[in-house]
Amino acid sequence: MIKNRGMRHLALKVKDVERSKEFYSRVFGMKVVWQPDPENAYLSSGSDNLALHLGDGGNPAAQRLDHLGFIVESIAEVEAAWAWAQAERLEIVHPLKHHRDGSVSFYIRDPDGNVIQALYEPSISPLRLTL
């Protein structure tokens, strides 16, 4: 077993690095930490890293990645994010839902068809990371 603190890095193949870089910066506030060339960009939220690599973004109906998730601090923040996503006319995959386990989430799609969950999860969202 490899000891870990959870998934902190994800790499996606995207059709347009600049378009995807703008999407993840605008929608999730990620910052570019390194862009060695036009075909690759590395972004961070401060605790998670996302690599964008030029490639075939794939058929949205047949994507290999089921979804990636961004943990949100509170239910109120998920609800505010839901309202913002609608106002921004982001593609909604699954609407806001309050789940039986106390979690709250909704799903959107990025420009290459990747599904992204915004999630309040009662056992994870309150945790504070030490950077």
C-alpha atoms as a PDB file:
ATOM      1  CA  MET A   1       0.000   0.000   0.000  1.00  0.00           C
ATOM      2  CA  ILE A   2       1.215   3.499  -0.829  1.00  0.00           C
ATOM      3  CA  LYS A   3       0.359   5.933   1.967  1.00  0.00           C
ATOM      4  CA  ASN A   4      -1.368   9.010   0.617  1.00  0.00           C
ATOM      5  CA  ARG A   5      -3.638  11.911   1.484  1.00  0.00           C
ATOM      6  CA  GLY A   6      -5.967  11.504  -1.477  1.00  0.00           C
ATOM      7  CA  MET A   7      -5.892  12.315  -5.148  1.00  0.00           C
ATOM      8  CA  ARG A   8      -3.912  15.504  -5.683  1.00  0.00           C
ATOM      9  CA  HIS A   9      -3.010  15.277  -9.385  1.00  0.00           C
ATOM     10  CA  LEU A  10      -4.945  14.589 -12.538  1.00  0.00           C
ATOM     11  CA  ALA A  11      -3.855  14.746 -16.178  1.00  0.00           C
ATOM     12  CA  LEU A  12      -6.267  15.273 -19.052  1.00  0.00           C
ATOM     13  CA  LYS A  13      -5.817  15.103 -22.798  1.00  0.00           C
ATOM     14  CA  VAL A  14      -7.550  18.129 -24.303  1.00  0.00           C
ATOM     15  CA  LYS A  15      -8.158  19.371 -27.849  1.00  0.00           C
ATOM     16  CA  ASP A  16      -7.193  22.988 -27.075  1.00  0.00           C
ATOM     17  CA  VAL A  17      -4.814  23.677 -24.170  1.00  0.00           C
ATOM     18  CA  GLU A  18      -5.531  27.435 -24.111  1.00  0.00           C
ATOM     19  CA  ARG A  19      -9.310  26.924 -24.091  1.00  0.00           C
ATOM     20  CA  SER A  20      -9.080  24.359 -21.286  1.00  0.00           C
ATOM     21  CA  LYS A  21      -6.607  26.475 -19.321  1.00  0.00           C
ATOM     22  CA  GLU A  22      -9.052  29.402 -19.467  1.00  0.00           C
ATOM     23  CA  PHE A  23     -11.979  27.149 -18.454  1.00  0.00           C
ATOM     24  CA  TYR A  24     -10.290  25.693 -15.341  1.00  0.00           C
ATOM     25  CA  SER A  25      -8.943  29.136 -14.363  1.00  0.00           C
ATOM     26  CA  ARG A  26     -12.301  30.890 -14.787  1.00  0.00           C
ATOM     27  CA  VAL A  27     -14.581  28.192 -13.411  1.00  0.00           C
ATOM     28  CA  PHE A  28     -12.450  26.781 -10.559  1.00  0.00           C
ATOM     29  CA  GLY A  29      -9.904  29.561  -9.926  1.00  0.00           C
ATOM     30  CA  MET A  30      -6.908  27.380 -10.781  1.00  0.00           C
ATOM     31  CA  LYS A  31      -3.620  29.154 -11.512  1.00  0.00           C
ATOM     32  CA  VAL A  32      -1.035  28.223 -14.122  1.00  0.00           C
ATOM     33  CA  VAL A  33       2.127  27.122 -12.332  1.00  0.00           C
ATOM     34  CA  TRP A  34       4.095  26.035 -15.408  1.00  0.00           C
ATOM     35  CA  GLN A  35       3.540  26.011 -19.138  1.00  0.00           C
ATOM     36  CA  PRO A  36       6.664  24.610 -20.795  1.00  0.00           C
ATOM     37  CA  ASP A  37       5.170  24.871 -24.291  1.00  0.00           C
ATOM     38  CA  PRO A  38       1.821  25.458 -26.065  1.00  0.00           C
ATOM     39  CA  GLU A  39       0.986  21.741 -25.870  1.00  0.00           C
ATOM     40  CA  ASN A  40       1.176  21.423 -22.065  1.00  0.00           C
ATOM     41  CA  ALA A  41      -0.021  23.429 -19.072  1.00  0.00           C
ATOM     42  CA  TYR A  42       0.104  22.670 -15.365  1.00  0.00           C
ATOM     43  CA  LEU A  43      -2.409  24.304 -13.039  1.00  0.00           C
ATOM     44  CA  SER A  44      -2.895  24.279  -9.277  1.00  0.00           C
ATOM     45  CA  SER A  45      -5.616  25.169  -6.822  1.00  0.00           C
ATOM     46  CA  GLY A  46      -3.002  25.385  -4.086  1.00  0.00           C
ATOM     47  CA  SER A  47      -3.582  21.820  -2.942  1.00  0.00           C
ATOM     48  CA  ASP A  48      -4.391  19.956  -6.169  1.00  0.00           C
ATOM     49  CA  ASN A  49      -2.638  19.870  -9.538  1.00  0.00           C
ATOM     50  CA  LEU A  50      -4.143  19.506 -12.995  1.00  0.00           C
ATOM     51  CA  ALA A  51      -2.061  18.769 -16.095  1.00  0.00           C
ATOM     52  CA  LEU A  52      -3.473  19.615 -19.512  1.00  0.00           C
ATOM     53  CA  HIS A  53      -1.836  17.877 -22.483  1.00  0.00           C
ATOM     54  CA  LEU A  54      -2.668  18.442 -26.125  1.00  0.00           C
ATOM     55  CA  GLY A  55      -4.264  15.335 -27.557  1.00  0.00           C
ATOM     56  CA  ASP A  56      -7.549  13.873 -28.646  1.00  0.00           C
ATOM     57  CA  GLY A  57     -10.098  15.001 -26.097  1.00  0.00           C
ATOM     58  CA  GLY A  58     -12.198  12.022 -27.077  1.00  0.00           C
ATOM     59  CA  ASN A  59     -15.844  11.500 -27.792  1.00  0.00           C
ATOM     60  CA  PRO A  60     -17.854  12.989 -24.872  1.00  0.00           C
ATOM     61  CA  ALA A  61     -20.254  10.043 -25.026  1.00  0.00           C
ATOM     62  CA  ALA A  62     -17.381   7.564 -24.659  1.00  0.00           C
ATOM     63  CA  GLN A  63     -14.902   9.305 -22.360  1.00  0.00           C
ATOM     64  CA  ARG A  64     -12.586   7.023 -20.406  1.00  0.00           C
ATOM     65  CA  LEU A  65     -12.612   9.159 -17.271  1.00  0.00           C
ATOM     66  CA  ASP A  66     -15.965   8.936 -15.505  1.00  0.00           C
ATOM     67  CA  HIS A  67     -15.553  12.282 -13.757  1.00  0.00           C
ATOM     68  CA  LEU A  68     -13.210  14.346 -11.672  1.00  0.00           C
ATOM     69  CA  GLY A  69     -14.311  16.129  -8.551  1.00  0.00           C
ATOM     70  CA  PHE A  70     -13.590  19.376  -6.793  1.00  0.00           C
ATOM     71  CA  ILE A  71     -14.308  19.353  -3.056  1.00  0.00           C
ATOM     72  CA  VAL A  72     -16.278  22.410  -1.919  1.00  0.00           C
ATOM     73  CA  GLU A  73     -16.153  23.692   1.664  1.00  0.00           C
ATOM     74  CA  SER A  74     -19.867  23.997   2.476  1.00  0.00           C
ATOM     75  CA  ILE A  75     -23.352  23.232   1.222  1.00  0.00           C
ATOM     76  CA  ALA A  76     -23.983  26.951   0.786  1.00  0.00           C
ATOM     77  CA  GLU A  77     -20.918  27.215  -1.445  1.00  0.00           C
ATOM     78  CA  VAL A  78     -22.097  24.298  -3.619  1.00  0.00           C
ATOM     79  CA  GLU A  79     -25.478  25.969  -3.951  1.00  0.00           C
ATOM     80  CA  ALA A  80     -23.826  29.286  -4.886  1.00  0.00           C
ATOM     81  CA  ALA A  81     -21.615  27.472  -7.396  1.00  0.00           C
ATOM     82  CA  TRP A  82     -24.712  25.830  -8.892  1.00  0.00           C
ATOM     83  CA  ALA A  83     -26.346  29.235  -9.393  1.00  0.00           C
ATOM     84  CA  TRP A  84     -23.124  30.599 -10.898  1.00  0.00           C
ATOM     85  CA  ALA A  85     -22.740  27.630 -13.282  1.00  0.00           C
ATOM     86  CA  GLN A  86     -26.284  28.184 -14.533  1.00  0.00           C
ATOM     87  CA  ALA A  87     -25.700  31.930 -14.987  1.00  0.00           C
ATOM     88  CA  GLU A  88     -22.488  31.176 -16.913  1.00  0.00           C
ATOM     89  CA  ARG A  89     -24.437  28.743 -19.117  1.00  0.00           C
ATOM     90  CA  LEU A  90     -22.038  25.891 -18.390  1.00  0.00           C
ATOM     91  CA  GLU A  91     -23.150  22.536 -19.730  1.00  0.00           C
ATOM     92  CA  ILE A  92     -24.995  20.788 -16.889  1.00  0.00           C
ATOM     93  CA  VAL A  93     -24.711  16.998 -16.798  1.00  0.00           C
ATOM     94  CA  HIS A  94     -26.567  16.396 -13.508  1.00  0.00           C
ATOM     95  CA  PRO A  95     -28.355  19.143 -11.563  1.00  0.00           C
ATOM     96  CA  LEU A  96     -27.814  20.058  -7.921  1.00  0.00           C
ATOM     97  CA  LYS A  97     -28.758  17.208  -5.617  1.00  0.00           C
ATOM     98  CA  HIS A  98     -28.781  16.780  -1.846  1.00  0.00           C
ATOM     99  CA  HIS A  99     -27.775  13.157  -1.221  1.00  0.00           C
ATOM    100  CA  ARG A 100     -28.888  10.895   1.634  1.00  0.00           C
ATOM    101  CA  ASP A 101     -25.374  10.779   3.108  1.00  0.00           C
ATOM    102  CA  GLY A 102     -25.375  14.568   3.636  1.00  0.00           C
ATOM    103  CA  SER A 103     -23.302  15.344   0.557  1.00  0.00           C
ATOM    104  CA  VAL A 104     -24.441  17.872  -2.039  1.00  0.00           C
ATOM    105  CA  SER A 105     -23.244  18.000  -5.623  1.00  0.00           C
ATOM    106  CA  PHE A 106     -23.836  18.809  -9.254  1.00  0.00           C
ATOM    107  CA  TYR A 107     -22.001  17.888 -12.444  1.00  0.00           C
ATOM    108  CA  ILE A 108     -20.883  19.998 -15.412  1.00  0.00           C
ATOM    109  CA  ARG A 109     -18.937  19.268 -18.587  1.00  0.00           C
ATOM    110  CA  ASP A 110     -15.714  21.012 -19.651  1.00  0.00           C
ATOM    111  CA  PRO A 111     -15.016  22.060 -23.278  1.00  0.00           C
ATOM    112  CA  ASP A 112     -13.639  18.591 -24.139  1.00  0.00           C
ATOM    113  CA  GLY A 113     -16.553  16.673 -22.653  1.00  0.00           C
ATOM    114  CA  ASN A 114     -14.951  15.718 -19.323  1.00  0.00           C
ATOM    115  CA  VAL A 115     -17.490  15.486 -16.517  1.00  0.00           C
ATOM    116  CA  ILE A 116     -16.698  17.471 -13.357  1.00  0.00           C
ATOM    117  CA  GLN A 117     -18.445  17.144 -10.011  1.00  0.00           C
ATOM    118  CA  ALA A 118     -18.634  20.044  -7.545  1.00  0.00           C
ATOM    119  CA  LEU A 119     -19.052  18.254  -4.215  1.00  0.00           C
ATOM    120  CA  TYR A 120     -19.613  18.996  -0.570  1.00  0.00           C
ATOM    121  CA  GLU A 121     -18.756  15.769   1.222  1.00  0.00           C
ATOM    122  CA  PRO A 122     -19.316  15.870   5.014  1.00  0.00           C
ATOM    123  CA  SER A 123     -16.225  13.900   6.000  1.00  0.00           C
ATOM    124  CA  ILE A 124     -13.794  15.572   3.549  1.00  0.00           C
ATOM    125  CA  SER A 125     -14.983  19.127   2.967  1.00  0.00           C
ATOM    126  CA  PRO A 126     -14.325  20.344   6.539  1.00  0.00           C
ATOM    127  CA  LEU A 127     -10.712  19.103   6.530  1.00  0.00           C
ATOM    128  CA  ARG A 128      -7.959  21.723   6.538  1.00  0.00           C
ATOM    129  CA  LEU A 129      -4.819  20.995   4.555  1.00  0.00           C
ATOM    130  CA  THR A 130      -1.434  22.117   5.740  1.00  0.00           C
ATOM    131  CA  LEU A 131       0.584  23.296   2.763  1.00  0.00           C
END
